[in-house]
Amino acid sequence: MNTRHYILFYLFLCCSYATVFSNSEFQIKAEKAYSEKNYKVAIQNYEAILKEGLSSYKLYYNLGNAYYKNKELGKAIYNYELANKLSPNQSDVKNNLRIASEKTIDKIESKENFFISAIKSGLVNSFSNTGWAWLSILSLTTMFVLAFLFYISPKTIIKRISFFLSGVFLILFIAFMILGYASKQNSEELDFAIIINKESKIYEEPNSLSKSKFSLHEGTKVSVLETNKEWTNIKLENGNEGWIKTTEVGLF
């Protein structure tokens, strides 16, 4: 390695150490401010870490907690959603997201029936993509073991039981595959957002001079049909659509 390479390597190490030190410093300041109930300062330091390009479910979770304590419900829910997206099996994130969501003003009824809505919001997110994959593998393996037992067993009762159970595990395998696919689709979905303003007007067209259709409040989750730097076209679960200023929503 020549002198030039040594210099470049040294500069790279210096930059890396500086970044780590900077992030560690922000983290310490954020945690200290949070413990002292200085939530605005905690938010500033957590946001500074994000600006450095680092992210994790724990960082979004802590930032969500700080926003929640600072009575910024929309931004709290937005960060809880980001944390849940990165790590869907964290009970602390899910609990805080549920508690915060219960405090939102807008209660929008879905066009879907209760059963379908419950499956999409609860059952699908019970496990990660990997979790559903392992359940599929285990159920398929068990099905083959039972089928083999049915084939080799000389006793009628064992044949009947193994045949019945192999059918059950085949159904479970198919169900786990479907739920795993739905979980994968949810984790890759980028077409929703959270209202982060206290109250936002929804317009008929991407123009503040157009007619206001209705208003939404912080924390409400909406689907995104189209977005640009200034305006975002949204759709609610009840089918209502409109345009909102992009700065007033947290996009995924």
C-alpha atoms as a PDB file:
ATOM      1  CA  MET A   1       0.000   0.000   0.000  1.00  0.00           C
ATOM      2  CA  ASN A   2       1.569   3.295  -1.093  1.00  0.00           C
ATOM      3  CA  THR A   3       1.587   6.576   0.848  1.00  0.00           C
ATOM      4  CA  ARG A   4      -1.496   7.898  -0.955  1.00  0.00           C
ATOM      5  CA  HIS A   5      -3.503   4.833  -0.004  1.00  0.00           C
ATOM      6  CA  TYR A   6      -2.394   5.146   3.619  1.00  0.00           C
ATOM      7  CA  ILE A   7      -3.554   8.759   3.697  1.00  0.00           C
ATOM      8  CA  LEU A   8      -6.947   7.902   2.170  1.00  0.00           C
ATOM      9  CA  PHE A   9      -7.394   4.999   4.578  1.00  0.00           C
ATOM     10  CA  TYR A  10      -6.488   7.248   7.513  1.00  0.00           C
ATOM     11  CA  LEU A  11      -8.967   9.910   6.389  1.00  0.00           C
ATOM     12  CA  PHE A  12     -11.673   7.237   6.029  1.00  0.00           C
ATOM     13  CA  LEU A  13     -11.052   6.037   9.587  1.00  0.00           C
ATOM     14  CA  CYS A  14     -11.132   9.590  10.904  1.00  0.00           C
ATOM     15  CA  CYS A  15     -14.455  10.276   9.182  1.00  0.00           C
ATOM     16  CA  SER A  16     -15.900   7.000  10.466  1.00  0.00           C
ATOM     17  CA  TYR A  17     -14.822   7.715  14.037  1.00  0.00           C
ATOM     18  CA  ALA A  18     -16.154  11.266  13.790  1.00  0.00           C
ATOM     19  CA  THR A  19     -19.543   9.997  12.585  1.00  0.00           C
ATOM     20  CA  VAL A  20     -19.767   7.375  15.330  1.00  0.00           C
ATOM     21  CA  PHE A  21     -18.743   9.904  17.971  1.00  0.00           C
ATOM     22  CA  SER A  22     -21.222  12.445  16.636  1.00  0.00           C
ATOM     23  CA  ASN A  23     -24.100   9.955  16.677  1.00  0.00           C
ATOM     24  CA  SER A  24     -23.119   8.729  20.126  1.00  0.00           C
ATOM     25  CA  GLU A  25     -23.051  12.315  21.358  1.00  0.00           C
ATOM     26  CA  PHE A  26     -26.518  13.006  19.935  1.00  0.00           C
ATOM     27  CA  GLN A  27     -27.796   9.781  21.499  1.00  0.00           C
ATOM     28  CA  ILE A  28     -26.458  10.683  24.949  1.00  0.00           C
ATOM     29  CA  LYS A  29     -27.914  14.195  24.721  1.00  0.00           C
ATOM     30  CA  ALA A  30     -31.269  12.844  23.542  1.00  0.00           C
ATOM     31  CA  GLU A  31     -31.531  10.289  26.340  1.00  0.00           C
ATOM     32  CA  LYS A  32     -30.473  12.856  28.953  1.00  0.00           C
ATOM     33  CA  ALA A  33     -33.008  15.399  27.676  1.00  0.00           C
ATOM     34  CA  TYR A  34     -35.769  12.765  27.625  1.00  0.00           C
ATOM     35  CA  SER A  35     -35.018  11.698  31.203  1.00  0.00           C
ATOM     36  CA  GLU A  36     -35.205  15.356  32.219  1.00  0.00           C
ATOM     37  CA  LYS A  37     -38.548  15.713  30.390  1.00  0.00           C
ATOM     38  CA  ASN A  38     -37.014  18.178  27.944  1.00  0.00           C
ATOM     39  CA  TYR A  39     -38.718  16.513  25.015  1.00  0.00           C
ATOM     40  CA  LYS A  40     -38.017  19.228  22.439  1.00  0.00           C
ATOM     41  CA  VAL A  41     -34.273  18.856  22.914  1.00  0.00           C
ATOM     42  CA  ALA A  42     -34.599  15.056  22.803  1.00  0.00           C
ATOM     43  CA  ILE A  43     -36.468  15.350  19.505  1.00  0.00           C
ATOM     44  CA  GLN A  44     -33.800  17.642  18.052  1.00  0.00           C
ATOM     45  CA  ASN A  45     -31.037  15.169  18.890  1.00  0.00           C
ATOM     46  CA  TYR A  46     -32.895  12.098  17.649  1.00  0.00           C
ATOM     47  CA  GLU A  47     -33.685  13.940  14.411  1.00  0.00           C
ATOM     48  CA  ALA A  48     -29.988  14.884  14.122  1.00  0.00           C
ATOM     49  CA  ILE A  49     -29.077  11.171  14.203  1.00  0.00           C
ATOM     50  CA  LEU A  50     -31.557  10.506  11.393  1.00  0.00           C
ATOM     51  CA  LYS A  51     -30.030  13.319   9.353  1.00  0.00           C
ATOM     52  CA  GLU A  52     -26.671  11.539   9.648  1.00  0.00           C
ATOM     53  CA  GLY A  53     -28.224   8.700   7.657  1.00  0.00           C
ATOM     54  CA  LEU A  54     -28.685   6.214  10.498  1.00  0.00           C
ATOM     55  CA  SER A  55     -32.004   4.585  11.311  1.00  0.00           C
ATOM     56  CA  SER A  56     -33.315   1.703  13.386  1.00  0.00           C
ATOM     57  CA  TYR A  57     -36.608   0.646  14.873  1.00  0.00           C
ATOM     58  CA  LYS A  58     -35.333   1.687  18.321  1.00  0.00           C
ATOM     59  CA  LEU A  59     -34.427   5.176  17.097  1.00  0.00           C
ATOM     60  CA  TYR A  60     -37.861   5.714  15.518  1.00  0.00           C
ATOM     61  CA  TYR A  61     -39.491   4.257  18.620  1.00  0.00           C
ATOM     62  CA  ASN A  62     -37.616   6.638  20.946  1.00  0.00           C
ATOM     63  CA  LEU A  63     -38.374   9.569  18.657  1.00  0.00           C
ATOM     64  CA  GLY A  64     -42.033   8.566  18.623  1.00  0.00           C
ATOM     65  CA  ASN A  65     -42.044   8.511  22.430  1.00  0.00           C
ATOM     66  CA  ALA A  66     -40.507  11.969  22.551  1.00  0.00           C
ATOM     67  CA  TYR A  67     -43.082  13.352  20.123  1.00  0.00           C
ATOM     68  CA  TYR A  68     -45.883  11.686  22.086  1.00  0.00           C
ATOM     69  CA  LYS A  69     -44.672  13.231  25.351  1.00  0.00           C
ATOM     70  CA  ASN A  70     -44.406  16.571  23.550  1.00  0.00           C
ATOM     71  CA  LYS A  71     -48.083  16.238  22.562  1.00  0.00           C
ATOM     72  CA  GLU A  72     -47.327  15.934  18.833  1.00  0.00           C
ATOM     73  CA  LEU A  73     -49.573  12.966  18.192  1.00  0.00           C
ATOM     74  CA  GLY A  74     -49.267  12.860  14.400  1.00  0.00           C
ATOM     75  CA  LYS A  75     -45.472  12.769  14.396  1.00  0.00           C
ATOM     76  CA  ALA A  76     -45.499  10.230  17.225  1.00  0.00           C
ATOM     77  CA  ILE A  77     -47.727   7.861  15.260  1.00  0.00           C
ATOM     78  CA  TYR A  78     -45.659   8.436  12.116  1.00  0.00           C
ATOM     79  CA  ASN A  79     -42.447   7.379  13.882  1.00  0.00           C
ATOM     80  CA  TYR A  80     -44.132   4.430  15.588  1.00  0.00           C
ATOM     81  CA  GLU A  81     -45.279   3.295  12.131  1.00  0.00           C
ATOM     82  CA  LEU A  82     -41.710   3.586  10.812  1.00  0.00           C
ATOM     83  CA  ALA A  83     -40.437   1.569  13.779  1.00  0.00           C
ATOM     84  CA  ASN A  84     -43.128  -1.057  13.232  1.00  0.00           C
ATOM     85  CA  LYS A  85     -42.251  -1.262   9.544  1.00  0.00           C
ATOM     86  CA  LEU A  86     -38.586  -1.945  10.316  1.00  0.00           C
ATOM     87  CA  SER A  87     -39.327  -4.475  13.052  1.00  0.00           C
ATOM     88  CA  PRO A  88     -42.948  -5.709  13.017  1.00  0.00           C
ATOM     89  CA  ASN A  89     -42.638  -8.076  16.004  1.00  0.00           C
ATOM     90  CA  GLN A  90     -41.814  -5.540  18.718  1.00  0.00           C
ATOM     91  CA  SER A  91     -44.612  -5.541  21.294  1.00  0.00           C
ATOM     92  CA  ASP A  92     -43.535  -2.227  22.827  1.00  0.00           C
ATOM     93  CA  VAL A  93     -43.856  -0.497  19.445  1.00  0.00           C
ATOM     94  CA  LYS A  94     -47.243  -2.084  18.750  1.00  0.00           C
ATOM     95  CA  ASN A  95     -48.584  -1.168  22.183  1.00  0.00           C
ATOM     96  CA  ASN A  96     -47.531   2.476  21.933  1.00  0.00           C
ATOM     97  CA  LEU A  97     -48.832   2.701  18.370  1.00  0.00           C
ATOM     98  CA  ARG A  98     -52.188   1.324  19.507  1.00  0.00           C
ATOM     99  CA  ILE A  99     -52.389   3.727  22.476  1.00  0.00           C
ATOM    100  CA  ALA A 100     -51.494   6.729  20.317  1.00  0.00           C
ATOM    101  CA  SER A 101     -53.883   5.710  17.523  1.00  0.00           C
ATOM    102  CA  GLU A 102     -56.766   5.483  19.993  1.00  0.00           C
ATOM    103  CA  LYS A 103     -56.322   9.215  20.684  1.00  0.00           C
ATOM    104  CA  THR A 104     -56.810  10.325  17.080  1.00  0.00           C
ATOM    105  CA  ILE A 105     -59.871  12.442  16.338  1.00  0.00           C
ATOM    106  CA  ASP A 106     -60.858  11.034  12.943  1.00  0.00           C
ATOM    107  CA  LYS A 107     -62.666   7.696  13.143  1.00  0.00           C
ATOM    108  CA  ILE A 108     -63.012   6.533   9.556  1.00  0.00           C
ATOM    109  CA  GLU A 109     -64.978   3.378   8.852  1.00  0.00           C
ATOM    110  CA  SER A 110     -63.569   1.061   6.223  1.00  0.00           C
ATOM    111  CA  LYS A 111     -65.620  -0.192   3.301  1.00  0.00           C
ATOM    112  CA  GLU A 112     -64.232  -3.661   4.001  1.00  0.00           C
ATOM    113  CA  ASN A 113     -66.139  -5.880   6.395  1.00  0.00           C
ATOM    114  CA  PHE A 114     -64.869  -6.374   9.943  1.00  0.00           C
ATOM    115  CA  PHE A 115     -63.437  -9.855   9.296  1.00  0.00           C
ATOM    116  CA  ILE A 116     -61.240  -8.789   6.359  1.00  0.00           C
ATOM    117  CA  SER A 117     -60.129  -5.624   8.154  1.00  0.00           C
ATOM    118  CA  ALA A 118     -59.184  -7.583  11.275  1.00  0.00           C
ATOM    119  CA  ILE A 119     -57.131 -10.056   9.252  1.00  0.00           C
ATOM    120  CA  LYS A 120     -55.245  -7.307   7.427  1.00  0.00           C
ATOM    121  CA  SER A 121     -54.507  -5.234  10.514  1.00  0.00           C
ATOM    122  CA  GLY A 122     -53.913  -7.973  13.066  1.00  0.00           C
ATOM    123  CA  LEU A 123     -53.336 -11.522  11.877  1.00  0.00           C
ATOM    124  CA  VAL A 124     -51.063 -10.685   8.935  1.00  0.00           C
ATOM    125  CA  ASN A 125     -48.762  -8.650  11.167  1.00  0.00           C
ATOM    126  CA  SER A 126     -48.590 -11.271  13.923  1.00  0.00           C
ATOM    127  CA  PHE A 127     -45.343 -12.587  12.435  1.00  0.00           C
ATOM    128  CA  SER A 128     -42.624 -11.241  10.163  1.00  0.00           C
ATOM    129  CA  ASN A 129     -42.075 -12.576   6.634  1.00  0.00           C
ATOM    130  CA  THR A 130     -39.451 -14.952   8.050  1.00  0.00           C
ATOM    131  CA  GLY A 131     -41.835 -16.131  10.756  1.00  0.00           C
ATOM    132  CA  TRP A 132     -44.551 -17.019   8.254  1.00  0.00           C
ATOM    133  CA  ALA A 133     -41.936 -18.763   6.079  1.00  0.00           C
ATOM    134  CA  TRP A 134     -40.817 -20.958   8.984  1.00  0.00           C
ATOM    135  CA  LEU A 135     -44.417 -21.815   9.871  1.00  0.00           C
ATOM    136  CA  SER A 136     -45.009 -22.817   6.241  1.00  0.00           C
ATOM    137  CA  ILE A 137     -41.921 -25.039   6.241  1.00  0.00           C
ATOM    138  CA  LEU A 138     -42.843 -26.675   9.558  1.00  0.00           C
ATOM    139  CA  SER A 139     -46.425 -27.342   8.501  1.00  0.00           C
ATOM    140  CA  LEU A 140     -45.301 -28.811   5.149  1.00  0.00           C
ATOM    141  CA  THR A 141     -42.697 -31.010   6.851  1.00  0.00           C
ATOM    142  CA  THR A 142     -45.260 -32.230   9.378  1.00  0.00           C
ATOM    143  CA  MET A 143     -47.691 -32.992   6.558  1.00  0.00           C
ATOM    144  CA  PHE A 144     -45.094 -35.169   4.797  1.00  0.00           C
ATOM    145  CA  VAL A 145     -44.232 -36.986   8.037  1.00  0.00           C
ATOM    146  CA  LEU A 146     -47.910 -37.743   8.640  1.00  0.00           C
ATOM    147  CA  ALA A 147     -48.376 -38.846   5.028  1.00  0.00           C
ATOM    148  CA  PHE A 148     -45.406 -41.188   5.401  1.00  0.00           C
ATOM    149  CA  LEU A 149     -46.877 -42.536   8.649  1.00  0.00           C
ATOM    150  CA  PHE A 150     -50.161 -43.154   6.820  1.00  0.00           C
ATOM    151  CA  TYR A 151     -48.279 -45.072   4.124  1.00  0.00           C
ATOM    152  CA  ILE A 152     -46.235 -47.353   6.404  1.00  0.00           C
ATOM    153  CA  SER A 153     -48.604 -47.939   9.317  1.00  0.00           C
ATOM    154  CA  PRO A 154     -50.450 -51.284   9.341  1.00  0.00           C
ATOM    155  CA  LYS A 155     -53.073 -50.092  11.823  1.00  0.00           C
ATOM    156  CA  THR A 156     -56.317 -48.599  10.503  1.00  0.00           C
ATOM    157  CA  ILE A 157     -56.773 -46.122  13.361  1.00  0.00           C
ATOM    158  CA  ILE A 158     -53.297 -44.683  12.833  1.00  0.00           C
ATOM    159  CA  LYS A 159     -53.929 -44.418   9.098  1.00  0.00           C
ATOM    160  CA  ARG A 160     -57.158 -42.513   9.688  1.00  0.00           C
ATOM    161  CA  ILE A 161     -55.615 -40.111  12.211  1.00  0.00           C
ATOM    162  CA  SER A 162     -52.493 -39.479  10.139  1.00  0.00           C
ATOM    163  CA  PHE A 163     -54.579 -38.961   6.991  1.00  0.00           C
ATOM    164  CA  PHE A 164     -56.834 -36.457   8.750  1.00  0.00           C
ATOM    165  CA  LEU A 165     -53.953 -34.568  10.362  1.00  0.00           C
ATOM    166  CA  SER A 166     -51.950 -34.458   7.125  1.00  0.00           C
ATOM    167  CA  GLY A 167     -54.970 -32.771   5.505  1.00  0.00           C
ATOM    168  CA  VAL A 168     -55.121 -30.263   8.379  1.00  0.00           C
ATOM    169  CA  PHE A 169     -51.432 -29.408   8.009  1.00  0.00           C
ATOM    170  CA  LEU A 170     -51.829 -29.071   4.247  1.00  0.00           C
ATOM    171  CA  ILE A 171     -54.549 -26.461   4.849  1.00  0.00           C
ATOM    172  CA  LEU A 172     -52.313 -24.751   7.429  1.00  0.00           C
ATOM    173  CA  PHE A 173     -49.435 -24.719   4.933  1.00  0.00           C
ATOM    174  CA  ILE A 174     -51.610 -23.002   2.332  1.00  0.00           C
ATOM    175  CA  ALA A 175     -52.917 -20.517   4.926  1.00  0.00           C
ATOM    176  CA  PHE A 176     -49.399 -19.678   6.157  1.00  0.00           C
ATOM    177  CA  MET A 177     -48.225 -19.173   2.574  1.00  0.00           C
ATOM    178  CA  ILE A 178     -51.089 -16.761   1.884  1.00  0.00           C
ATOM    179  CA  LEU A 179     -50.511 -14.844   5.133  1.00  0.00           C
ATOM    180  CA  GLY A 180     -46.771 -14.732   4.466  1.00  0.00           C
ATOM    181  CA  TYR A 181     -47.376 -13.291   1.017  1.00  0.00           C
ATOM    182  CA  ALA A 182     -49.768 -10.705   2.464  1.00  0.00           C
ATOM    183  CA  SER A 183     -47.180  -9.802   5.129  1.00  0.00           C
ATOM    184  CA  LYS A 184     -44.537  -9.370   2.425  1.00  0.00           C
ATOM    185  CA  GLN A 185     -46.866  -7.121   0.446  1.00  0.00           C
ATOM    186  CA  ASN A 186     -47.559  -5.025   3.548  1.00  0.00           C
ATOM    187  CA  SER A 187     -43.858  -4.644   4.368  1.00  0.00           C
ATOM    188  CA  GLU A 188     -43.113  -3.486   0.821  1.00  0.00           C
ATOM    189  CA  GLU A 189     -46.109  -1.179   0.624  1.00  0.00           C
ATOM    190  CA  LEU A 190     -45.113   2.472   0.234  1.00  0.00           C
ATOM    191  CA  ASP A 191     -48.498   3.968  -0.567  1.00  0.00           C
ATOM    192  CA  PHE A 192     -49.663   5.340   2.747  1.00  0.00           C
ATOM    193  CA  ALA A 193     -48.979   8.315   4.984  1.00  0.00           C
ATOM    194  CA  ILE A 194     -49.807   9.847   8.369  1.00  0.00           C
ATOM    195  CA  ILE A 195     -51.306  13.299   8.858  1.00  0.00           C
ATOM    196  CA  ILE A 196     -48.759  15.166  10.995  1.00  0.00           C
ATOM    197  CA  ASN A 197     -50.482  18.586  11.216  1.00  0.00           C
ATOM    198  CA  LYS A 198     -52.969  19.289  13.991  1.00  0.00           C
ATOM    199  CA  GLU A 199     -55.583  19.846  11.276  1.00  0.00           C
ATOM    200  CA  SER A 200     -55.217  19.739   7.493  1.00  0.00           C
ATOM    201  CA  LYS A 201     -57.621  20.766   4.759  1.00  0.00           C
ATOM    202  CA  ILE A 202     -58.221  18.326   1.931  1.00  0.00           C
ATOM    203  CA  TYR A 203     -58.798  20.006  -1.436  1.00  0.00           C
ATOM    204  CA  GLU A 204     -60.546  18.925  -4.619  1.00  0.00           C
ATOM    205  CA  GLU A 205     -57.481  19.827  -6.696  1.00  0.00           C
ATOM    206  CA  PRO A 206     -53.749  20.330  -6.004  1.00  0.00           C
ATOM    207  CA  ASN A 207     -54.313  24.032  -5.508  1.00  0.00           C
ATOM    208  CA  SER A 208     -55.024  25.941  -2.283  1.00  0.00           C
ATOM    209  CA  LEU A 209     -57.481  28.105  -4.235  1.00  0.00           C
ATOM    210  CA  SER A 210     -59.658  25.107  -5.057  1.00  0.00           C
ATOM    211  CA  LYS A 211     -62.611  24.047  -2.908  1.00  0.00           C
ATOM    212  CA  SER A 212     -61.906  22.382   0.430  1.00  0.00           C
ATOM    213  CA  LYS A 213     -63.700  19.013   0.644  1.00  0.00           C
ATOM    214  CA  PHE A 214     -63.107  18.117   4.297  1.00  0.00           C
ATOM    215  CA  SER A 215     -60.493  18.258   7.051  1.00  0.00           C
ATOM    216  CA  LEU A 216     -58.343  15.597   8.683  1.00  0.00           C
ATOM    217  CA  HIS A 217     -56.518  15.671  11.998  1.00  0.00           C
ATOM    218  CA  GLU A 218     -53.105  14.509  13.175  1.00  0.00           C
ATOM    219  CA  GLY A 219     -52.440  10.799  13.339  1.00  0.00           C
ATOM    220  CA  THR A 220     -54.945   9.759  10.673  1.00  0.00           C
ATOM    221  CA  LYS A 221     -53.576   7.116   8.313  1.00  0.00           C
ATOM    222  CA  VAL A 222     -54.314   7.568   4.607  1.00  0.00           C
ATOM    223  CA  SER A 223     -53.462   5.843   1.340  1.00  0.00           C
ATOM    224  CA  VAL A 224     -51.300   7.735  -1.137  1.00  0.00           C
ATOM    225  CA  LEU A 225     -52.396   7.729  -4.773  1.00  0.00           C
ATOM    226  CA  GLU A 226     -49.916  10.278  -6.089  1.00  0.00           C
ATOM    227  CA  THR A 227     -47.358  12.641  -4.615  1.00  0.00           C
ATOM    228  CA  ASN A 228     -44.899  15.388  -5.506  1.00  0.00           C
ATOM    229  CA  LYS A 229     -42.951  18.043  -3.589  1.00  0.00           C
ATOM    230  CA  GLU A 230     -45.989  20.283  -3.090  1.00  0.00           C
ATOM    231  CA  TRP A 231     -49.123  18.123  -3.166  1.00  0.00           C
ATOM    232  CA  THR A 232     -50.176  14.570  -2.330  1.00  0.00           C
ATOM    233  CA  ASN A 233     -53.334  12.863  -3.558  1.00  0.00           C
ATOM    234  CA  ILE A 234     -54.785  10.740  -0.738  1.00  0.00           C
ATOM    235  CA  LYS A 235     -57.601   8.248  -0.276  1.00  0.00           C
ATOM    236  CA  LEU A 236     -59.380   7.284   2.933  1.00  0.00           C
ATOM    237  CA  GLU A 237     -60.631   3.835   3.892  1.00  0.00           C
ATOM    238  CA  ASN A 238     -64.206   5.009   3.280  1.00  0.00           C
ATOM    239  CA  GLY A 239     -63.313   5.850  -0.328  1.00  0.00           C
ATOM    240  CA  ASN A 240     -63.081   9.655  -0.034  1.00  0.00           C
ATOM    241  CA  GLU A 241     -60.233  11.249  -1.982  1.00  0.00           C
ATOM    242  CA  GLY A 242     -58.559  14.644  -2.148  1.00  0.00           C
ATOM    243  CA  TRP A 243     -55.324  16.617  -2.214  1.00  0.00           C
ATOM    244  CA  ILE A 244     -53.236  17.666   0.788  1.00  0.00           C
ATOM    245  CA  LYS A 245     -50.027  19.680   1.040  1.00  0.00           C
ATOM    246  CA  THR A 246     -47.100  17.249   1.124  1.00  0.00           C
ATOM    247  CA  THR A 247     -45.503  19.053   4.064  1.00  0.00           C
ATOM    248  CA  GLU A 248     -48.521  18.141   6.179  1.00  0.00           C
ATOM    249  CA  VAL A 249     -48.099  14.374   5.890  1.00  0.00           C
ATOM    250  CA  GLY A 250     -45.423  11.879   6.805  1.00  0.00           C
ATOM    251  CA  LEU A 251     -44.851   9.659   3.783  1.00  0.00           C
ATOM    252  CA  PHE A 252     -43.670   6.046   3.787  1.00  0.00           C
END
